[in-house]
PDB file of N, CA and C in Angstrom:
ATOM      1  N   MET A   1     -11.316  35.425  37.087  1.00  0.00           N
ATOM      2  CA  MET A   1     -11.395  34.094  36.498  1.00  0.00           C
ATOM      3  C   MET A   1     -10.134  33.287  36.800  1.00  0.00           C
ATOM      4  N   ASN A   2      -8.999  33.960  36.923  1.00  0.00           N
ATOM      5  CA  ASN A   2      -7.764  33.234  37.227  1.00  0.00           C
ATOM      6  C   ASN A   2      -7.840  32.527  38.571  1.00  0.00           C
ATOM      7  N   SER A   3      -8.411  33.197  39.577  1.00  0.00           N
ATOM      8  CA  SER A   3      -8.501  32.560  40.893  1.00  0.00           C
ATOM      9  C   SER A   3      -9.436  31.360  40.848  1.00  0.00           C
ATOM     10  N   LEU A   4     -10.521  31.454  40.092  1.00  0.00           N
ATOM     11  CA  LEU A   4     -11.427  30.315  39.939  1.00  0.00           C
ATOM     12  C   LEU A   4     -10.727  29.171  39.214  1.00  0.00           C
ATOM     13  N   ARG A   5      -9.998  29.493  38.166  1.00  0.00           N
ATOM     14  CA  ARG A   5      -9.270  28.468  37.400  1.00  0.00           C
ATOM     15  C   ARG A   5      -8.275  27.741  38.295  1.00  0.00           C
ATOM     16  N   LYS A   6      -7.540  28.483  39.116  1.00  0.00           N
ATOM     17  CA  LYS A   6      -6.565  27.866  40.032  1.00  0.00           C
ATOM     18  C   LYS A   6      -7.260  27.007  41.077  1.00  0.00           C
ATOM     19  N   LEU A   7      -8.371  27.494  41.617  1.00  0.00           N
ATOM     20  CA  LEU A   7      -9.112  26.740  42.627  1.00  0.00           C
ATOM     21  C   LEU A   7      -9.643  25.429  42.056  1.00  0.00           C
ATOM     22  N   LEU A   8     -10.175  25.466  40.840  1.00  0.00           N
ATOM     23  CA  LEU A   8     -10.687  24.245  40.216  1.00  0.00           C
ATOM     24  C   LEU A   8      -9.577  23.237  39.969  1.00  0.00           C
ATOM     25  N   ALA A   9      -8.406  23.718  39.600  1.00  0.00           N
ATOM     26  CA  ALA A   9      -7.280  22.812  39.367  1.00  0.00           C
ATOM     27  C   ALA A   9      -6.809  22.189  40.671  1.00  0.00           C
ATOM     28  N   GLU A  10      -6.673  23.000  41.706  1.00  0.00           N
ATOM     29  CA  GLU A  10      -6.151  22.510  42.982  1.00  0.00           C
ATOM     30  C   GLU A  10      -7.148  21.607  43.714  1.00  0.00           C
ATOM     31  N   LYS A  11      -8.402  22.024  43.772  1.00  0.00           N
ATOM     32  CA  LYS A  11      -9.384  21.312  44.588  1.00  0.00           C
ATOM     33  C   LYS A  11     -10.089  20.171  43.845  1.00  0.00           C
ATOM     34  N   HIS A  12     -10.295  20.336  42.534  1.00  0.00           N
ATOM     35  CA  HIS A  12     -11.090  19.356  41.791  1.00  0.00           C
ATOM     36  C   HIS A  12     -10.310  18.671  40.668  1.00  0.00           C
ATOM     37  N   GLY A  13      -9.064  19.046  40.449  1.00  0.00           N
ATOM     38  CA  GLY A  13      -8.260  18.434  39.397  1.00  0.00           C
ATOM     39  C   GLY A  13      -8.700  18.797  37.990  1.00  0.00           C
ATOM     40  N   LEU A  14      -9.446  19.890  37.836  1.00  0.00           N
ATOM     41  CA  LEU A  14      -9.921  20.344  36.527  1.00  0.00           C
ATOM     42  C   LEU A  14      -8.966  21.385  35.973  1.00  0.00           C
ATOM     43  N   VAL A  15      -8.299  21.060  34.878  1.00  0.00           N
ATOM     44  CA  VAL A  15      -7.287  21.948  34.311  1.00  0.00           C
ATOM     45  C   VAL A  15      -7.820  22.562  33.025  1.00  0.00           C
ATOM     46  N   ALA A  16      -7.769  23.880  32.946  1.00  0.00           N
ATOM     47  CA  ALA A  16      -8.276  24.594  31.770  1.00  0.00           C
ATOM     48  C   ALA A  16      -7.456  24.236  30.540  1.00  0.00           C
ATOM     49  N   SER A  17      -8.162  23.943  29.446  1.00  0.00           N
ATOM     50  CA  SER A  17      -7.478  23.617  28.200  1.00  0.00           C
ATOM     51  C   SER A  17      -7.460  24.798  27.244  1.00  0.00           C
ATOM     52  N   PHE A  18      -8.360  25.754  27.459  1.00  0.00           N
ATOM     53  CA  PHE A  18      -8.453  26.917  26.581  1.00  0.00           C
ATOM     54  C   PHE A  18      -9.046  28.056  27.391  1.00  0.00           C
ATOM     55  N   MET A  19      -8.467  29.256  27.263  1.00  0.00           N
ATOM     56  CA  MET A  19      -8.922  30.376  28.083  1.00  0.00           C
ATOM     57  C   MET A  19      -9.183  31.613  27.235  1.00  0.00           C
ATOM     58  N   HIS A  20     -10.194  32.369  27.661  1.00  0.00           N
ATOM     59  CA  HIS A  20     -10.489  33.700  27.145  1.00  0.00           C
ATOM     60  C   HIS A  20     -10.458  34.639  28.340  1.00  0.00           C
ATOM     61  N   ASP A  21     -10.627  35.925  28.091  1.00  0.00           N
ATOM     62  CA  ASP A  21     -10.657  36.879  29.199  1.00  0.00           C
ATOM     63  C   ASP A  21     -11.839  36.645  30.136  1.00  0.00           C
ATOM     64  N   ASP A  22     -12.986  36.251  29.580  1.00  0.00           N
ATOM     65  CA  ASP A  22     -14.202  36.141  30.381  1.00  0.00           C
ATOM     66  C   ASP A  22     -14.649  34.708  30.685  1.00  0.00           C
ATOM     67  N   CYS A  23     -13.895  33.712  30.210  1.00  0.00           N
ATOM     68  CA  CYS A  23     -14.283  32.323  30.454  1.00  0.00           C
ATOM     69  C   CYS A  23     -13.094  31.400  30.210  1.00  0.00           C
ATOM     70  N   PHE A  24     -13.264  30.138  30.599  1.00  0.00           N
ATOM     71  CA  PHE A  24     -12.274  29.116  30.267  1.00  0.00           C
ATOM     72  C   PHE A  24     -12.979  27.775  30.115  1.00  0.00           C
ATOM     73  N   PHE A  25     -12.325  26.864  29.404  1.00  0.00           N
ATOM     74  CA  PHE A  25     -12.886  25.547  29.094  1.00  0.00           C
ATOM     75  C   PHE A  25     -12.076  24.460  29.774  1.00  0.00           C
ATOM     76  N   VAL A  26     -12.778  23.444  30.241  1.00  0.00           N
ATOM     77  CA  VAL A  26     -12.165  22.298  30.902  1.00  0.00           C
ATOM     78  C   VAL A  26     -12.775  21.038  30.281  1.00  0.00           C
ATOM     79  N   PRO A  27     -11.941  20.074  29.860  1.00  0.00           N
ATOM     80  CA  PRO A  27     -12.526  18.812  29.376  1.00  0.00           C
ATOM     81  C   PRO A  27     -13.302  18.141  30.498  1.00  0.00           C
ATOM     82  N   LEU A  28     -14.432  17.564  30.160  1.00  0.00           N
ATOM     83  CA  LEU A  28     -15.220  16.839  31.153  1.00  0.00           C
ATOM     84  C   LEU A  28     -14.411  15.622  31.606  1.00  0.00           C
ATOM     85  N   PRO A  29     -14.230  15.440  32.917  1.00  0.00           N
ATOM     86  CA  PRO A  29     -13.456  14.283  33.384  1.00  0.00           C
ATOM     87  C   PRO A  29     -14.022  12.973  32.832  1.00  0.00           C
ATOM     88  N   ASP A  30     -13.145  12.117  32.381  1.00  0.00           N
ATOM     89  CA  ASP A  30     -13.505  10.798  31.838  1.00  0.00           C
ATOM     90  C   ASP A  30     -14.308  10.864  30.548  1.00  0.00           C
ATOM     91  N   ASN A  31     -14.347  12.024  29.898  1.00  0.00           N
ATOM     92  CA  ASN A  31     -15.082  12.158  28.640  1.00  0.00           C
ATOM     93  C   ASN A  31     -14.498  13.332  27.865  1.00  0.00           C
ATOM     94  N   LYS A  32     -13.495  13.074  27.059  1.00  0.00           N
ATOM     95  CA  LYS A  32     -12.777  14.144  26.356  1.00  0.00           C
ATOM     96  C   LYS A  32     -13.544  14.685  25.148  1.00  0.00           C
ATOM     97  N   ASP A  33     -14.729  14.119  24.847  1.00  0.00           N
ATOM     98  CA  ASP A  33     -15.541  14.622  23.733  1.00  0.00           C
ATOM     99  C   ASP A  33     -16.444  15.776  24.148  1.00  0.00           C
ATOM    100  N   HIS A  34     -16.503  16.053  25.449  1.00  0.00           N
ATOM    101  CA  HIS A  34     -17.355  17.117  25.963  1.00  0.00           C
ATOM    102  C   HIS A  34     -16.536  18.034  26.871  1.00  0.00           C
ATOM    103  N   SER A  35     -16.965  19.276  26.946  1.00  0.00           N
ATOM    104  CA  SER A  35     -16.227  20.223  27.779  1.00  0.00           C
ATOM    105  C   SER A  35     -17.179  21.018  28.661  1.00  0.00           C
ATOM    106  N   LEU A  36     -16.610  21.564  29.713  1.00  0.00           N
ATOM    107  CA  LEU A  36     -17.318  22.466  30.604  1.00  0.00           C
ATOM    108  C   LEU A  36     -16.740  23.863  30.392  1.00  0.00           C
ATOM    109  N   LYS A  37     -17.614  24.814  30.201  1.00  0.00           N
ATOM    110  CA  LYS A  37     -17.210  26.212  30.042  1.00  0.00           C
ATOM    111  C   LYS A  37     -17.571  26.936  31.328  1.00  0.00           C
ATOM    112  N   PHE A  38     -16.599  27.584  31.943  1.00  0.00           N
ATOM    113  CA  PHE A  38     -16.812  28.304  33.186  1.00  0.00           C
ATOM    114  C   PHE A  38     -16.824  29.797  32.907  1.00  0.00           C
ATOM    115  N   LEU A  39     -17.875  30.454  33.390  1.00  0.00           N
ATOM    116  CA  LEU A  39     -18.044  31.895  33.203  1.00  0.00           C
ATOM    117  C   LEU A  39     -18.431  32.532  34.532  1.00  0.00           C
ATOM    118  N   GLU A  40     -18.227  33.826  34.620  1.00  0.00           N
ATOM    119  CA  GLU A  40     -18.717  34.541  35.788  1.00  0.00           C
ATOM    120  C   GLU A  40     -20.228  34.649  35.690  1.00  0.00           C
ATOM    121  N   SER A  41     -20.875  34.633  36.824  1.00  0.00           N
ATOM    122  CA  SER A  41     -22.328  34.766  36.879  1.00  0.00           C
ATOM    123  C   SER A  41     -22.676  36.197  37.263  1.00  0.00           C
ATOM    124  N   ASN A  42     -23.876  36.608  36.931  1.00  0.00           N
ATOM    125  CA  ASN A  42     -24.371  37.910  37.380  1.00  0.00           C
ATOM    126  C   ASN A  42     -24.808  37.858  38.836  1.00  0.00           C
ATOM    127  N   LEU A  43     -24.953  36.653  39.364  1.00  0.00           N
ATOM    128  CA  LEU A  43     -25.333  36.480  40.758  1.00  0.00           C
ATOM    129  C   LEU A  43     -24.084  36.477  41.634  1.00  0.00           C
ATOM    130  N   PRO A  44     -24.087  37.183  42.739  1.00  0.00           N
ATOM    131  CA  PRO A  44     -22.895  37.218  43.591  1.00  0.00           C
ATOM    132  C   PRO A  44     -22.560  35.832  44.155  1.00  0.00           C
ATOM    133  N   GLU A  45     -21.287  35.506  44.134  1.00  0.00           N
ATOM    134  CA  GLU A  45     -20.745  34.246  44.663  1.00  0.00           C
ATOM    135  C   GLU A  45     -21.231  33.013  43.922  1.00  0.00           C
ATOM    136  N   PHE A  46     -21.685  33.167  42.694  1.00  0.00           N
ATOM    137  CA  PHE A  46     -22.096  32.055  41.851  1.00  0.00           C
ATOM    138  C   PHE A  46     -21.179  31.996  40.631  1.00  0.00           C
ATOM    139  N   ILE A  47     -21.130  30.829  40.007  1.00  0.00           N
ATOM    140  CA  ILE A  47     -20.450  30.675  38.719  1.00  0.00           C
ATOM    141  C   ILE A  47     -21.440  30.056  37.738  1.00  0.00           C
ATOM    142  N   ARG A  48     -21.192  30.282  36.465  1.00  0.00           N
ATOM    143  CA  ARG A  48     -22.004  29.664  35.419  1.00  0.00           C
ATOM    144  C   ARG A  48     -21.165  28.563  34.785  1.00  0.00           C
ATOM    145  N   VAL A  49     -21.763  27.395  34.624  1.00  0.00           N
ATOM    146  CA  VAL A  49     -21.096  26.252  34.013  1.00  0.00           C
ATOM    147  C   VAL A  49     -21.963  25.772  32.855  1.00  0.00           C
ATOM    148  N   GLU A  50     -21.356  25.636  31.677  1.00  0.00           N
ATOM    149  CA  GLU A  50     -22.079  25.148  30.503  1.00  0.00           C
ATOM    150  C   GLU A  50     -21.423  23.864  30.013  1.00  0.00           C
ATOM    151  N   LEU A  51     -22.235  22.880  29.707  1.00  0.00           N
ATOM    152  CA  LEU A  51     -21.773  21.599  29.169  1.00  0.00           C
ATOM    153  C   LEU A  51     -22.048  21.583  27.672  1.00  0.00           C
ATOM    154  N   SER A  52     -21.029  21.255  26.869  1.00  0.00           N
ATOM    155  CA  SER A  52     -21.238  21.168  25.420  1.00  0.00           C
ATOM    156  C   SER A  52     -20.294  20.140  24.821  1.00  0.00           C
ATOM    157  N   GLU A  53     -20.605  19.761  23.580  1.00  0.00           N
ATOM    158  CA  GLU A  53     -19.683  18.907  22.842  1.00  0.00           C
ATOM    159  C   GLU A  53     -18.449  19.738  22.506  1.00  0.00           C
ATOM    160  N   CYS A  54     -17.288  19.124  22.541  1.00  0.00           N
ATOM    161  CA  CYS A  54     -16.076  19.839  22.151  1.00  0.00           C
ATOM    162  C   CYS A  54     -16.211  20.282  20.697  1.00  0.00           C
ATOM    163  N   PHE A  55     -15.799  21.466  20.412  1.00  0.00           N
ATOM    164  CA  PHE A  55     -15.807  22.053  19.067  1.00  0.00           C
ATOM    165  C   PHE A  55     -17.220  22.261  18.525  1.00  0.00           C
ATOM    166  N   ALA A  56     -18.235  22.150  19.359  1.00  0.00           N
ATOM    167  CA  ALA A  56     -19.604  22.419  18.927  1.00  0.00           C
ATOM    168  C   ALA A  56     -20.085  23.691  19.625  1.00  0.00           C
ATOM    169  N   GLU A  57     -20.920  24.395  18.966  1.00  0.00           N
ATOM    170  CA  GLU A  57     -21.433  25.649  19.515  1.00  0.00           C
ATOM    171  C   GLU A  57     -22.614  25.442  20.461  1.00  0.00           C
ATOM    172  N   SER A  58     -23.267  24.281  20.390  1.00  0.00           N
ATOM    173  CA  SER A  58     -24.489  24.083  21.155  1.00  0.00           C
ATOM    174  C   SER A  58     -24.207  23.713  22.605  1.00  0.00           C
ATOM    175  N   VAL A  59     -25.060  24.216  23.483  1.00  0.00           N
ATOM    176  CA  VAL A  59     -24.969  23.918  24.908  1.00  0.00           C
ATOM    177  C   VAL A  59     -25.985  22.825  25.224  1.00  0.00           C
ATOM    178  N   ILE A  60     -25.528  21.754  25.880  1.00  0.00           N
ATOM    179  CA  ILE A  60     -26.401  20.647  26.263  1.00  0.00           C
ATOM    180  C   ILE A  60     -27.120  20.979  27.566  1.00  0.00           C
ATOM    181  N   ALA A  61     -26.398  21.565  28.505  1.00  0.00           N
ATOM    182  CA  ALA A  61     -26.963  21.925  29.810  1.00  0.00           C
ATOM    183  C   ALA A  61     -26.159  23.081  30.386  1.00  0.00           C
ATOM    184  N   ALA A  62     -26.792  23.834  31.287  1.00  0.00           N
ATOM    185  CA  ALA A  62     -26.097  24.961  31.939  1.00  0.00           C
ATOM    186  C   ALA A  62     -26.580  25.072  33.385  1.00  0.00           C
ATOM    187  N   TRP A  63     -25.686  25.482  34.235  1.00  0.00           N
ATOM    188  CA  TRP A  63     -25.980  25.668  35.650  1.00  0.00           C
ATOM    189  C   TRP A  63     -25.426  27.018  36.105  1.00  0.00           C
ATOM    190  N   GLU A  64     -26.087  27.634  37.060  1.00  0.00           N
ATOM    191  CA  GLU A  64     -25.530  28.762  37.811  1.00  0.00           C
ATOM    192  C   GLU A  64     -25.559  28.314  39.260  1.00  0.00           C
ATOM    193  N   ILE A  65     -24.374  28.102  39.807  1.00  0.00           N
ATOM    194  CA  ILE A  65     -24.264  27.452  41.114  1.00  0.00           C
ATOM    195  C   ILE A  65     -23.247  28.152  42.000  1.00  0.00           C
ATOM    196  N   GLN A  66     -23.350  27.853  43.276  1.00  0.00           N
ATOM    197  CA  GLN A  66     -22.266  28.210  44.175  1.00  0.00           C
ATOM    198  C   GLN A  66     -21.212  27.121  44.046  1.00  0.00           C
ATOM    199  N   LEU A  67     -19.969  27.478  44.245  1.00  0.00           N
ATOM    200  CA  LEU A  67     -18.855  26.589  43.964  1.00  0.00           C
ATOM    201  C   LEU A  67     -18.911  25.268  44.734  1.00  0.00           C
ATOM    202  N   PHE A  68     -19.463  25.267  45.940  1.00  0.00           N
ATOM    203  CA  PHE A  68     -19.488  24.022  46.720  1.00  0.00           C
ATOM    204  C   PHE A  68     -20.354  22.952  46.059  1.00  0.00           C
ATOM    205  N   LEU A  69     -21.222  23.327  45.104  1.00  0.00           N
ATOM    206  CA  LEU A  69     -22.073  22.355  44.410  1.00  0.00           C
ATOM    207  C   LEU A  69     -21.401  21.740  43.185  1.00  0.00           C
ATOM    208  N   LEU A  70     -20.176  22.142  42.883  1.00  0.00           N
ATOM    209  CA  LEU A  70     -19.505  21.659  41.678  1.00  0.00           C
ATOM    210  C   LEU A  70     -19.408  20.136  41.597  1.00  0.00           C
ATOM    211  N   PRO A  71     -19.092  19.394  42.659  1.00  0.00           N
ATOM    212  CA  PRO A  71     -19.045  17.932  42.524  1.00  0.00           C
ATOM    213  C   PRO A  71     -20.368  17.333  42.037  1.00  0.00           C
ATOM    214  N   GLN A  72     -21.494  17.872  42.489  1.00  0.00           N
ATOM    215  CA  GLN A  72     -22.788  17.380  42.023  1.00  0.00           C
ATOM    216  C   GLN A  72     -23.007  17.731  40.552  1.00  0.00           C
ATOM    217  N   VAL A  73     -22.553  18.904  40.132  1.00  0.00           N
ATOM    218  CA  VAL A  73     -22.693  19.305  38.731  1.00  0.00           C
ATOM    219  C   VAL A  73     -21.848  18.401  37.838  1.00  0.00           C
ATOM    220  N   LEU A  74     -20.663  18.014  38.265  1.00  0.00           N
ATOM    221  CA  LEU A  74     -19.827  17.112  37.474  1.00  0.00           C
ATOM    222  C   LEU A  74     -20.526  15.766  37.281  1.00  0.00           C
ATOM    223  N   LYS A  75     -21.162  15.250  38.324  1.00  0.00           N
ATOM    224  CA  LYS A  75     -21.905  14.004  38.199  1.00  0.00           C
ATOM    225  C   LYS A  75     -23.085  14.183  37.248  1.00  0.00           C
ATOM    226  N   GLN A  76     -23.827  15.276  37.410  1.00  0.00           N
ATOM    227  CA  GLN A  76     -24.963  15.535  36.527  1.00  0.00           C
ATOM    228  C   GLN A  76     -24.510  15.681  35.077  1.00  0.00           C
ATOM    229  N   ALA A  77     -23.383  16.343  34.861  1.00  0.00           N
ATOM    230  CA  ALA A  77     -22.884  16.537  33.499  1.00  0.00           C
ATOM    231  C   ALA A  77     -22.621  15.193  32.834  1.00  0.00           C
ATOM    232  N   ASN A  78     -21.992  14.276  33.543  1.00  0.00           N
ATOM    233  CA  ASN A  78     -21.756  12.937  32.984  1.00  0.00           C
ATOM    234  C   ASN A  78     -23.072  12.218  32.701  1.00  0.00           C
ATOM    235  N   ASP A  79     -24.037  12.338  33.609  1.00  0.00           N
ATOM    236  CA  ASP A  79     -25.353  11.726  33.392  1.00  0.00           C
ATOM    237  C   ASP A  79     -26.043  12.340  32.181  1.00  0.00           C
ATOM    238  N   PHE A  80     -25.937  13.658  32.022  1.00  0.00           N
ATOM    239  CA  PHE A  80     -26.556  14.339  30.888  1.00  0.00           C
ATOM    240  C   PHE A  80     -25.942  13.897  29.570  1.00  0.00           C
ATOM    241  N   VAL A  81     -24.637  13.667  29.544  1.00  0.00           N
ATOM    242  CA  VAL A  81     -23.987  13.225  28.310  1.00  0.00           C
ATOM    243  C   VAL A  81     -24.541  11.865  27.891  1.00  0.00           C
ATOM    244  N   VAL A  82     -24.696  10.962  28.835  1.00  0.00           N
ATOM    245  CA  VAL A  82     -25.242   9.636  28.526  1.00  0.00           C
ATOM    246  C   VAL A  82     -26.651   9.778  27.963  1.00  0.00           C
ATOM    247  N   GLU A  83     -27.494  10.540  28.641  1.00  0.00           N
ATOM    248  CA  GLU A  83     -28.879  10.720  28.181  1.00  0.00           C
ATOM    249  C   GLU A  83     -28.936  11.440  26.842  1.00  0.00           C
ATOM    250  N   TYR A  84     -28.071  12.426  26.642  1.00  0.00           N
ATOM    251  CA  TYR A  84     -28.017  13.175  25.383  1.00  0.00           C
ATOM    252  C   TYR A  84     -27.713  12.228  24.218  1.00  0.00           C
ATOM    253  N   TRP A  85     -26.695  11.377  24.379  1.00  0.00           N
ATOM    254  CA  TRP A  85     -26.336  10.462  23.287  1.00  0.00           C
ATOM    255  C   TRP A  85     -27.377   9.374  23.096  1.00  0.00           C
ATOM    256  N   ASN A  86     -28.055   8.952  24.154  1.00  0.00           N
ATOM    257  CA  ASN A  86     -29.175   8.010  23.998  1.00  0.00           C
ATOM    258  C   ASN A  86     -30.270   8.647  23.149  1.00  0.00           C
ATOM    259  N   TYR A  87     -30.577   9.896  23.413  1.00  0.00           N
ATOM    260  CA  TYR A  87     -31.603  10.610  22.664  1.00  0.00           C
ATOM    261  C   TYR A  87     -31.184  10.789  21.206  1.00  0.00           C
ATOM    262  N   VAL A  88     -29.944  11.234  20.970  1.00  0.00           N
ATOM    263  CA  VAL A  88     -29.449  11.478  19.611  1.00  0.00           C
ATOM    264  C   VAL A  88     -29.435  10.183  18.808  1.00  0.00           C
ATOM    265  N   SER A  89     -29.044   9.092  19.436  1.00  0.00           N
ATOM    266  CA  SER A  89     -28.945   7.817  18.713  1.00  0.00           C
ATOM    267  C   SER A  89     -30.332   7.271  18.331  1.00  0.00           C
ATOM    268  N   GLN A  90     -31.383   7.701  19.010  1.00  0.00           N
ATOM    269  CA  GLN A  90     -32.731   7.231  18.701  1.00  0.00           C
ATOM    270  C   GLN A  90     -33.361   8.012  17.550  1.00  0.00           C
ATOM    271  N   GLU A  91     -32.836   9.191  17.248  1.00  0.00           N
ATOM    272  CA  GLU A  91     -33.425   9.998  16.169  1.00  0.00           C
ATOM    273  C   GLU A  91     -33.092   9.454  14.808  1.00  0.00           C
TER     274      GLU A  91
END
């Protein structure tokens, strides 16, 4: 996980704000109310990314991807946050 954390910081500017042995959290760029949780995947050469509200236990969306797809996941995560809050505000 340390090598992944370093790679995300160097290549994508994502800096871990909180770390465990098996995962770490990164604030969603341009949206400090949501975070991305990075975990190892059971699939070789894949990572698991979970989007959630900061300090909330619920997961809004999750992906298991190869690392080269991370820029698309970051865009999707921002889009999901907008749609999530549109849905919540209508209830």
